PDB file of N, CA and C in Angstrom:
ATOM      1  N   MET A   1       0.838  -1.132  -0.011  1.00  0.00           N
ATOM      2  CA  MET A   1       0.033   0.028  -0.002  1.00  0.00           C
ATOM      3  C   MET A   1       0.885   1.247   0.014  1.00  0.00           C
ATOM      4  N   GLN A   2       0.680   2.151  -0.906  1.00  0.00           N
ATOM      5  CA  GLN A   2       1.359   3.373  -1.029  1.00  0.00           C
ATOM      6  C   GLN A   2       0.800   4.394  -0.038  1.00  0.00           C
ATOM      7  N   ARG A   3       1.627   5.179   0.456  1.00  0.00           N
ATOM      8  CA  ARG A   3       1.251   6.224   1.381  1.00  0.00           C
ATOM      9  C   ARG A   3       0.930   7.452   0.518  1.00  0.00           C
ATOM     10  N   GLU A   4      -0.018   8.352   1.156  1.00  0.00           N
ATOM     11  CA  GLU A   4      -0.237   9.656   0.636  1.00  0.00           C
ATOM     12  C   GLU A   4       1.040  10.399   0.806  1.00  0.00           C
ATOM     13  N   LYS A   5       1.237  11.538  -0.034  1.00  0.00           N
ATOM     14  CA  LYS A   5       2.494  12.298   0.149  1.00  0.00           C
ATOM     15  C   LYS A   5       2.559  12.920   1.501  1.00  0.00           C
ATOM     16  N   ASP A   6       1.551  13.469   2.113  1.00  0.00           N
ATOM     17  CA  ASP A   6       1.682  13.925   3.453  1.00  0.00           C
ATOM     18  C   ASP A   6       2.103  12.911   4.469  1.00  0.00           C
ATOM     19  N   ALA A   7       1.470  11.784   4.361  1.00  0.00           N
ATOM     20  CA  ALA A   7       1.699  10.692   5.255  1.00  0.00           C
ATOM     21  C   ALA A   7       3.184  10.268   5.125  1.00  0.00           C
ATOM     22  N   GLN A   8       3.679  10.146   3.932  1.00  0.00           N
ATOM     23  CA  GLN A   8       5.063   9.710   3.677  1.00  0.00           C
ATOM     24  C   GLN A   8       6.042  10.775   4.268  1.00  0.00           C
ATOM     25  N   SER A   9       5.661  12.028   4.163  1.00  0.00           N
ATOM     26  CA  SER A   9       6.537  12.983   4.854  1.00  0.00           C
ATOM     27  C   SER A   9       6.617  12.816   6.361  1.00  0.00           C
ATOM     28  N   LYS A  10       5.442  12.616   6.843  1.00  0.00           N
ATOM     29  CA  LYS A  10       5.402  12.413   8.431  1.00  0.00           C
ATOM     30  C   LYS A  10       6.174  11.153   8.735  1.00  0.00           C
ATOM     31  N   HIS A  11       6.027  10.082   7.864  1.00  0.00           N
ATOM     32  CA  HIS A  11       6.695   8.810   8.253  1.00  0.00           C
ATOM     33  C   HIS A  11       8.284   9.154   8.178  1.00  0.00           C
ATOM     34  N   ASP A  12       8.693   9.683   7.065  1.00  0.00           N
ATOM     35  CA  ASP A  12      10.125  10.008   6.978  1.00  0.00           C
ATOM     36  C   ASP A  12      10.639  11.005   8.067  1.00  0.00           C
ATOM     37  N   GLU A  13       9.879  11.930   8.470  1.00  0.00           N
ATOM     38  CA  GLU A  13      10.362  12.812   9.605  1.00  0.00           C
ATOM     39  C   GLU A  13      10.457  11.991  10.967  1.00  0.00           C
ATOM     40  N   MET A  14       9.541  11.127  11.150  1.00  0.00           N
ATOM     41  CA  MET A  14       9.659  10.334  12.401  1.00  0.00           C
ATOM     42  C   MET A  14      10.847   9.298  12.276  1.00  0.00           C
ATOM     43  N   VAL A  15      11.095   8.784  11.124  1.00  0.00           N
ATOM     44  CA  VAL A  15      12.344   7.825  11.004  1.00  0.00           C
ATOM     45  C   VAL A  15      13.578   8.601  11.196  1.00  0.00           C
ATOM     46  N   LYS A  16      13.634   9.783  10.654  1.00  0.00           N
ATOM     47  CA  LYS A  16      14.815  10.741  10.911  1.00  0.00           C
ATOM     48  C   LYS A  16      14.900  11.066  12.380  1.00  0.00           C
ATOM     49  N   THR A  17      13.891  11.286  13.066  1.00  0.00           N
ATOM     50  CA  THR A  17      13.963  11.654  14.451  1.00  0.00           C
ATOM     51  C   THR A  17      14.454  10.510  15.286  1.00  0.00           C
ATOM     52  N   ILE A  18      13.827   9.394  14.968  1.00  0.00           N
ATOM     53  CA  ILE A  18      14.350   8.034  15.717  1.00  0.00           C
ATOM     54  C   ILE A  18      15.752   7.894  15.481  1.00  0.00           C
ATOM     55  N   ALA A  19      16.214   7.990  14.196  1.00  0.00           N
ATOM     56  CA  ALA A  19      17.627   7.701  13.844  1.00  0.00           C
ATOM     57  C   ALA A  19      18.484   8.711  14.678  1.00  0.00           C
ATOM     58  N   GLN A  20      18.157   9.845  14.647  1.00  0.00           N
ATOM     59  CA  GLN A  20      18.978  10.874  15.259  1.00  0.00           C
ATOM     60  C   GLN A  20      19.034  10.634  16.787  1.00  0.00           C
ATOM     61  N   ASP A  21      17.957  10.254  17.395  1.00  0.00           N
ATOM     62  CA  ASP A  21      17.886  10.054  18.871  1.00  0.00           C
ATOM     63  C   ASP A  21      18.846   8.865  19.209  1.00  0.00           C
ATOM     64  N   TYR A  22      18.826   7.786  18.381  1.00  0.00           N
ATOM     65  CA  TYR A  22      19.632   6.671  18.715  1.00  0.00           C
ATOM     66  C   TYR A  22      21.208   7.114  18.431  1.00  0.00           C
ATOM     67  N   LEU A  23      21.522   7.917  17.431  1.00  0.00           N
ATOM     68  CA  LEU A  23      22.916   8.454  17.230  1.00  0.00           C
ATOM     69  C   LEU A  23      23.353   9.138  18.368  1.00  0.00           C
ATOM     70  N   LYS A  24      22.397  10.163  19.012  1.00  0.00           N
ATOM     71  CA  LYS A  24      22.829  10.827  20.148  1.00  0.00           C
ATOM     72  C   LYS A  24      23.135   9.970  21.440  1.00  0.00           C
ATOM     73  N   LYS A  25      22.464   8.764  21.368  1.00  0.00           N
ATOM     74  CA  LYS A  25      22.797   7.960  22.550  1.00  0.00           C
ATOM     75  C   LYS A  25      23.979   7.002  22.191  1.00  0.00           C
ATOM     76  N   GLY A  26      24.659   7.185  21.125  1.00  0.00           N
ATOM     77  CA  GLY A  26      25.895   6.419  20.893  1.00  0.00           C
ATOM     78  C   GLY A  26      25.673   5.107  20.071  1.00  0.00           C
ATOM     79  N   PHE A  27      24.542   4.906  19.527  1.00  0.00           N
ATOM     80  CA  PHE A  27      24.242   3.771  18.680  1.00  0.00           C
ATOM     81  C   PHE A  27      24.757   4.028  17.358  1.00  0.00           C
ATOM     82  N   ARG A  28      25.234   2.951  16.586  1.00  0.00           N
ATOM     83  CA  ARG A  28      25.415   2.962  15.180  1.00  0.00           C
ATOM     84  C   ARG A  28      24.103   2.660  14.549  1.00  0.00           C
ATOM     85  N   VAL A  29      23.731   3.584  13.563  1.00  0.00           N
ATOM     86  CA  VAL A  29      22.338   3.552  13.071  1.00  0.00           C
ATOM     87  C   VAL A  29      22.302   3.294  11.519  1.00  0.00           C
ATOM     88  N   LYS A  30      21.457   2.440  11.077  1.00  0.00           N
ATOM     89  CA  LYS A  30      21.090   2.308   9.740  1.00  0.00           C
ATOM     90  C   LYS A  30      19.540   2.603   9.604  1.00  0.00           C
ATOM     91  N   ALA A  31      19.276   3.408   8.617  1.00  0.00           N
ATOM     92  CA  ALA A  31      17.962   3.883   8.406  1.00  0.00           C
ATOM     93  C   ALA A  31      17.513   3.846   6.860  1.00  0.00           C
ATOM     94  N   ASP A  32      16.291   3.372   6.659  1.00  0.00           N
ATOM     95  CA  ASP A  32      15.769   3.363   5.187  1.00  0.00           C
ATOM     96  C   ASP A  32      15.240   4.745   4.844  1.00  0.00           C
ATOM     97  N   LEU A  33      16.353   5.539   4.755  1.00  0.00           N
ATOM     98  CA  LEU A  33      16.117   7.042   4.475  1.00  0.00           C
ATOM     99  C   LEU A  33      17.365   7.652   3.765  1.00  0.00           C
ATOM    100  N   GLU A  34      17.143   8.577   2.899  1.00  0.00           N
ATOM    101  CA  GLU A  34      18.200   9.245   2.204  1.00  0.00           C
ATOM    102  C   GLU A  34      19.184   9.828   3.272  1.00  0.00           C
ATOM    103  N   GLY A  35      20.515   9.499   3.098  1.00  0.00           N
ATOM    104  CA  GLY A  35      21.449  10.047   3.992  1.00  0.00           C
ATOM    105  C   GLY A  35      21.981   9.071   4.865  1.00  0.00           C
ATOM    106  N   TYR A  36      21.463   7.883   4.960  1.00  0.00           N
ATOM    107  CA  TYR A  36      21.877   6.894   6.030  1.00  0.00           C
ATOM    108  C   TYR A  36      22.205   5.578   5.207  1.00  0.00           C
ATOM    109  N   GLU A  37      22.984   4.891   5.919  1.00  0.00           N
ATOM    110  CA  GLU A  37      23.229   3.432   5.329  1.00  0.00           C
ATOM    111  C   GLU A  37      21.913   2.723   5.451  1.00  0.00           C
ATOM    112  N   ARG A  38      21.566   2.069   4.522  1.00  0.00           N
ATOM    113  CA  ARG A  38      20.200   1.268   4.395  1.00  0.00           C
ATOM    114  C   ARG A  38      20.305   0.025   5.228  1.00  0.00           C
ATOM    115  N   PRO A  39      19.397  -0.306   5.994  1.00  0.00           N
ATOM    116  CA  PRO A  39      19.359  -1.638   6.698  1.00  0.00           C
ATOM    117  C   PRO A  39      19.194  -2.853   5.788  1.00  0.00           C
ATOM    118  N   GLY A  40      19.786  -3.924   6.119  1.00  0.00           N
ATOM    119  CA  GLY A  40      19.546  -5.092   5.359  1.00  0.00           C
ATOM    120  C   GLY A  40      18.042  -5.558   5.721  1.00  0.00           C
ATOM    121  N   THR A  41      17.691  -6.681   5.065  1.00  0.00           N
ATOM    122  CA  THR A  41      16.345  -7.188   5.223  1.00  0.00           C
ATOM    123  C   THR A  41      16.404  -8.182   6.406  1.00  0.00           C
ATOM    124  N   ILE A  42      15.265  -8.285   6.963  1.00  0.00           N
ATOM    125  CA  ILE A  42      15.013  -9.272   8.110  1.00  0.00           C
ATOM    126  C   ILE A  42      13.838 -10.032   7.802  1.00  0.00           C
ATOM    127  N   ARG A  43      14.105 -11.394   7.623  1.00  0.00           N
ATOM    128  CA  ARG A  43      13.044 -12.275   7.360  1.00  0.00           C
ATOM    129  C   ARG A  43      12.195 -11.720   6.092  1.00  0.00           C
ATOM    130  N   GLY A  44      12.867 -11.156   5.120  1.00  0.00           N
ATOM    131  CA  GLY A  44      12.346 -10.684   3.885  1.00  0.00           C
ATOM    132  C   GLY A  44      11.811  -9.238   3.869  1.00  0.00           C
ATOM    133  N   TYR A  45      11.887  -8.519   5.018  1.00  0.00           N
ATOM    134  CA  TYR A  45      11.399  -7.193   5.139  1.00  0.00           C
ATOM    135  C   TYR A  45      12.436  -6.310   5.503  1.00  0.00           C
ATOM    136  N   ARG A  46      12.437  -5.006   5.107  1.00  0.00           N
ATOM    137  CA  ARG A  46      13.602  -4.029   5.328  1.00  0.00           C
ATOM    138  C   ARG A  46      12.921  -3.043   6.525  1.00  0.00           C
ATOM    139  N   PRO A  47      13.411  -3.045   7.677  1.00  0.00           N
ATOM    140  CA  PRO A  47      12.966  -2.114   8.708  1.00  0.00           C
ATOM    141  C   PRO A  47      13.322  -0.770   8.455  1.00  0.00           C
ATOM    142  N   ASP A  48      12.625   0.208   9.156  1.00  0.00           N
ATOM    143  CA  ASP A  48      12.940   1.676   8.893  1.00  0.00           C
ATOM    144  C   ASP A  48      14.269   2.025   9.604  1.00  0.00           C
ATOM    145  N   VAL A  49      14.435   1.504  10.865  1.00  0.00           N
ATOM    146  CA  VAL A  49      15.712   1.785  11.559  1.00  0.00           C
ATOM    147  C   VAL A  49      16.143   0.520  12.271  1.00  0.00           C
ATOM    148  N   ILE A  50      17.547   0.416  12.246  1.00  0.00           N
ATOM    149  CA  ILE A  50      18.170  -0.667  13.030  1.00  0.00           C
ATOM    150  C   ILE A  50      19.307   0.146  13.774  1.00  0.00           C
ATOM    151  N   ALA A  51      19.442  -0.037  15.073  1.00  0.00           N
ATOM    152  CA  ALA A  51      20.540   0.590  15.786  1.00  0.00           C
ATOM    153  C   ALA A  51      21.203  -0.446  16.640  1.00  0.00           C
ATOM    154  N   PHE A  52      22.508  -0.226  16.624  1.00  0.00           N
ATOM    155  CA  PHE A  52      23.402  -1.189  17.326  1.00  0.00           C
ATOM    156  C   PHE A  52      24.298  -0.542  18.359  1.00  0.00           C
ATOM    157  N   LYS A  53      24.353  -1.151  19.483  1.00  0.00           N
ATOM    158  CA  LYS A  53      25.238  -0.627  20.510  1.00  0.00           C
ATOM    159  C   LYS A  53      25.654  -1.748  21.606  1.00  0.00           C
ATOM    160  N   GLU A  54      26.885  -1.950  21.796  1.00  0.00           N
ATOM    161  CA  GLU A  54      27.328  -2.979  22.887  1.00  0.00           C
ATOM    162  C   GLU A  54      26.457  -4.132  22.863  1.00  0.00           C
ATOM    163  N   GLY A  55      26.362  -4.782  21.678  1.00  0.00           N
ATOM    164  CA  GLY A  55      25.715  -6.145  21.639  1.00  0.00           C
ATOM    165  C   GLY A  55      24.177  -5.983  21.607  1.00  0.00           C
ATOM    166  N   GLN A  56      23.681  -4.747  21.739  1.00  0.00           N
ATOM    167  CA  GLN A  56      22.183  -4.566  21.558  1.00  0.00           C
ATOM    168  C   GLN A  56      21.787  -4.328  20.142  1.00  0.00           C
ATOM    169  N   ARG A  57      20.647  -4.766  19.758  1.00  0.00           N
ATOM    170  CA  ARG A  57      20.155  -4.357  18.368  1.00  0.00           C
ATOM    171  C   ARG A  57      18.635  -3.966  18.548  1.00  0.00           C
ATOM    172  N   LYS A  58      18.344  -2.773  18.020  1.00  0.00           N
ATOM    173  CA  LYS A  58      16.984  -2.202  18.194  1.00  0.00           C
ATOM    174  C   LYS A  58      16.448  -2.132  16.768  1.00  0.00           C
ATOM    175  N   ILE A  59      15.315  -2.792  16.559  1.00  0.00           N
ATOM    176  CA  ILE A  59      14.610  -2.689  15.296  1.00  0.00           C
ATOM    177  C   ILE A  59      13.305  -1.789  15.539  1.00  0.00           C
ATOM    178  N   VAL A  60      13.124  -0.811  14.615  1.00  0.00           N
ATOM    179  CA  VAL A  60      12.097   0.088  14.759  1.00  0.00           C
ATOM    180  C   VAL A  60      11.400   0.259  13.368  1.00  0.00           C
ATOM    181  N   GLU A  61      10.084   0.007  13.370  1.00  0.00           N
ATOM    182  CA  GLU A  61       9.273   0.167  12.169  1.00  0.00           C
ATOM    183  C   GLU A  61       8.308   1.274  12.345  1.00  0.00           C
ATOM    184  N   VAL A  62       8.278   2.165  11.441  1.00  0.00           N
ATOM    185  CA  VAL A  62       7.338   3.312  11.556  1.00  0.00           C
ATOM    186  C   VAL A  62       6.243   3.139  10.536  1.00  0.00           C
ATOM    187  N   GLU A  63       5.005   3.310  11.047  1.00  0.00           N
ATOM    188  CA  GLU A  63       3.855   3.108  10.131  1.00  0.00           C
ATOM    189  C   GLU A  63       3.083   4.502  10.233  1.00  0.00           C
ATOM    190  N   THR A  64       2.225   4.651   9.310  1.00  0.00           N
ATOM    191  CA  THR A  64       1.267   5.844   9.264  1.00  0.00           C
ATOM    192  C   THR A  64      -0.114   5.278   9.376  1.00  0.00           C
ATOM    193  N   GLN A  65      -1.068   6.183   9.747  1.00  0.00           N
ATOM    194  CA  GLN A  65      -2.387   5.773   9.925  1.00  0.00           C
ATOM    195  C   GLN A  65      -2.968   5.029   8.821  1.00  0.00           C
ATOM    196  N   ASP A  66      -2.524   5.334   7.489  1.00  0.00           N
ATOM    197  CA  ASP A  66      -3.027   4.747   6.332  1.00  0.00           C
ATOM    198  C   ASP A  66      -2.492   3.320   6.056  1.00  0.00           C
ATOM    199  N   THR A  67      -1.325   3.062   6.645  1.00  0.00           N
ATOM    200  CA  THR A  67      -0.722   1.720   6.467  1.00  0.00           C
ATOM    201  C   THR A  67      -0.577   0.839   7.689  1.00  0.00           C
ATOM    202  N   SER A  68      -0.870   1.358   8.810  1.00  0.00           N
ATOM    203  CA  SER A  68      -0.599   0.620  10.097  1.00  0.00           C
ATOM    204  C   SER A  68      -1.477  -0.761  10.150  1.00  0.00           C
ATOM    205  N   LYS A  69      -2.543  -0.888   9.532  1.00  0.00           N
ATOM    206  CA  LYS A  69      -3.427  -1.987   9.598  1.00  0.00           C
ATOM    207  C   LYS A  69      -3.278  -2.867   8.247  1.00  0.00           C
ATOM    208  N   SER A  70      -2.430  -2.478   7.230  1.00  0.00           N
ATOM    209  CA  SER A  70      -2.402  -3.242   6.004  1.00  0.00           C
ATOM    210  C   SER A  70      -1.774  -4.628   6.347  1.00  0.00           C
ATOM    211  N   SER A  71      -2.052  -5.589   5.321  1.00  0.00           N
ATOM    212  CA  SER A  71      -1.609  -6.852   5.600  1.00  0.00           C
ATOM    213  C   SER A  71      -0.071  -6.711   5.508  1.00  0.00           C
ATOM    214  N   ARG A  72       0.486  -5.993   4.644  1.00  0.00           N
ATOM    215  CA  ARG A  72       1.884  -5.937   4.460  1.00  0.00           C
ATOM    216  C   ARG A  72       2.651  -5.476   5.836  1.00  0.00           C
ATOM    217  N   ALA A  73       2.110  -4.514   6.323  1.00  0.00           N
ATOM    218  CA  ALA A  73       2.508  -3.982   7.622  1.00  0.00           C
ATOM    219  C   ALA A  73       2.372  -4.948   8.781  1.00  0.00           C
ATOM    220  N   MET A  74       1.330  -5.705   8.849  1.00  0.00           N
ATOM    221  CA  MET A  74       1.112  -6.690   9.807  1.00  0.00           C
ATOM    222  C   MET A  74       2.162  -7.786   9.655  1.00  0.00           C
ATOM    223  N   ASN A  75       2.291  -8.216   8.400  1.00  0.00           N
ATOM    224  CA  ASN A  75       3.303  -9.316   8.169  1.00  0.00           C
ATOM    225  C   ASN A  75       4.737  -8.899   8.521  1.00  0.00           C
ATOM    226  N   GLN A  76       5.016  -7.781   8.262  1.00  0.00           N
ATOM    227  CA  GLN A  76       6.359  -6.992   8.462  1.00  0.00           C
ATOM    228  C   GLN A  76       6.596  -6.951   9.986  1.00  0.00           C
ATOM    229  N   GLN A  77       5.643  -6.596  10.741  1.00  0.00           N
ATOM    230  CA  GLN A  77       5.731  -6.445  12.242  1.00  0.00           C
ATOM    231  C   GLN A  77       5.945  -7.819  12.741  1.00  0.00           C
ATOM    232  N   GLU A  78       5.165  -8.876  12.299  1.00  0.00           N
ATOM    233  CA  GLU A  78       5.277 -10.212  12.747  1.00  0.00           C
ATOM    234  C   GLU A  78       6.625 -10.699  12.623  1.00  0.00           C
ATOM    235  N   ALA A  79       7.294 -10.569  11.405  1.00  0.00           N
ATOM    236  CA  ALA A  79       8.563 -10.894  11.047  1.00  0.00           C
ATOM    237  C   ALA A  79       9.606 -10.281  12.059  1.00  0.00           C
ATOM    238  N   PHE A  80       9.432  -9.049  12.281  1.00  0.00           N
ATOM    239  CA  PHE A  80      10.495  -8.227  13.184  1.00  0.00           C
ATOM    240  C   PHE A  80      10.136  -8.662  14.668  1.00  0.00           C
ATOM    241  N   ARG A  81       9.085  -9.012  14.958  1.00  0.00           N
ATOM    242  CA  ARG A  81       8.715  -9.405  16.382  1.00  0.00           C
ATOM    243  C   ARG A  81       9.301 -10.714  16.607  1.00  0.00           C
ATOM    244  N   ALA A  82       9.171 -11.685  15.598  1.00  0.00           N
ATOM    245  CA  ALA A  82       9.688 -13.117  15.621  1.00  0.00           C
ATOM    246  C   ALA A  82      11.239 -12.912  15.735  1.00  0.00           C
ATOM    247  N   GLU A  83      11.792 -12.022  14.981  1.00  0.00           N
ATOM    248  CA  GLU A  83      13.280 -11.872  15.025  1.00  0.00           C
ATOM    249  C   GLU A  83      13.710 -11.500  16.479  1.00  0.00           C
ATOM    250  N   ALA A  84      13.030 -10.468  17.029  1.00  0.00           N
ATOM    251  CA  ALA A  84      13.312 -10.090  18.484  1.00  0.00           C
ATOM    252  C   ALA A  84      13.167 -11.105  19.427  1.00  0.00           C
ATOM    253  N   ASP A  85      11.970 -11.872  19.229  1.00  0.00           N
ATOM    254  CA  ASP A  85      11.737 -12.978  20.105  1.00  0.00           C
ATOM    255  C   ASP A  85      12.729 -14.089  20.231  1.00  0.00           C
ATOM    256  N   ASN A  86      13.506 -14.302  19.084  1.00  0.00           N
ATOM    257  CA  ASN A  86      14.421 -15.380  19.054  1.00  0.00           C
ATOM    258  C   ASN A  86      15.875 -14.756  19.406  1.00  0.00           C
ATOM    259  N   SER A  87      15.933 -13.561  19.976  1.00  0.00           N
ATOM    260  CA  SER A  87      17.261 -13.103  20.350  1.00  0.00           C
ATOM    261  C   SER A  87      17.055 -12.326  21.691  1.00  0.00           C
ATOM    262  N   ASN A  88      17.989 -12.592  22.610  1.00  0.00           N
ATOM    263  CA  ASN A  88      17.906 -11.909  23.930  1.00  0.00           C
ATOM    264  C   ASN A  88      18.620 -10.560  23.817  1.00  0.00           C
ATOM    265  N   THR A  89      19.166 -10.130  22.670  1.00  0.00           N
ATOM    266  CA  THR A  89      19.831  -8.873  22.476  1.00  0.00           C
ATOM    267  C   THR A  89      19.107  -7.945  21.558  1.00  0.00           C
ATOM    268  N   THR A  90      17.860  -8.376  20.983  1.00  0.00           N
ATOM    269  CA  THR A  90      17.286  -7.584  20.013  1.00  0.00           C
ATOM    270  C   THR A  90      15.805  -7.299  20.501  1.00  0.00           C
ATOM    271  N   THR A  91      15.540  -5.974  20.250  1.00  0.00           N
ATOM    272  CA  THR A  91      14.050  -5.487  20.598  1.00  0.00           C
ATOM    273  C   THR A  91      13.445  -4.898  19.335  1.00  0.00           C
ATOM    274  N   PHE A  92      12.155  -5.089  19.333  1.00  0.00           N
ATOM    275  CA  PHE A  92      11.368  -4.507  18.256  1.00  0.00           C
ATOM    276  C   PHE A  92      10.347  -3.569  18.750  1.00  0.00           C
ATOM    277  N   THR A  93      10.206  -2.409  18.073  1.00  0.00           N
ATOM    278  CA  THR A  93       9.335  -1.407  18.427  1.00  0.00           C
ATOM    279  C   THR A  93       8.671  -0.891  17.167  1.00  0.00           C
ATOM    280  N   LYS A  94       7.348  -0.881  17.313  1.00  0.00           N
ATOM    281  CA  LYS A  94       6.508  -0.214  16.207  1.00  0.00           C
ATOM    282  C   LYS A  94       6.062   1.181  16.609  1.00  0.00           C
ATOM    283  N   ARG A  95       6.247   2.168  15.791  1.00  0.00           N
ATOM    284  CA  ARG A  95       5.705   3.605  16.034  1.00  0.00           C
ATOM    285  C   ARG A  95       4.815   3.933  14.900  1.00  0.00           C
ATOM    286  N   VAL A  96       3.817   4.764  15.254  1.00  0.00           N
ATOM    287  CA  VAL A  96       2.966   5.256  14.239  1.00  0.00           C
ATOM    288  C   VAL A  96       3.048   6.725  14.220  1.00  0.00           C
ATOM    289  N   ALA A  97       3.375   7.301  12.951  1.00  0.00           N
ATOM    290  CA  ALA A  97       3.510   8.673  12.730  1.00  0.00           C
ATOM    291  C   ALA A  97       2.108   9.306  12.551  1.00  0.00           C
ATOM    292  N   LYS A  98       1.806  10.413  13.249  1.00  0.00           N
ATOM    293  CA  LYS A  98       0.499  10.992  13.225  1.00  0.00           C
ATOM    294  C   LYS A  98       0.549  12.326  12.505  1.00  0.00           C
TER     295      LYS A  98
END
């Protein structure tokens, strides 16, 4: 499902904010956003942000109101949650841009 232009802008701004917050906390950050190294795929899906620090890995997916309940978003979240559940050093967080 494609986002509306306004929703995409809100999505990208939240991804940028999250990436910058992790950088300020000393994490190495990959973000699916221009200007950042792009994260690899996890179980066939590319997360918006992956942050690494001292053996920790944070996976963050940002959705918008128009995509948060789509089947693709649900499948993506399930994949990231399963990845986190199978690792004691990985966490997954879903955020919704408003």
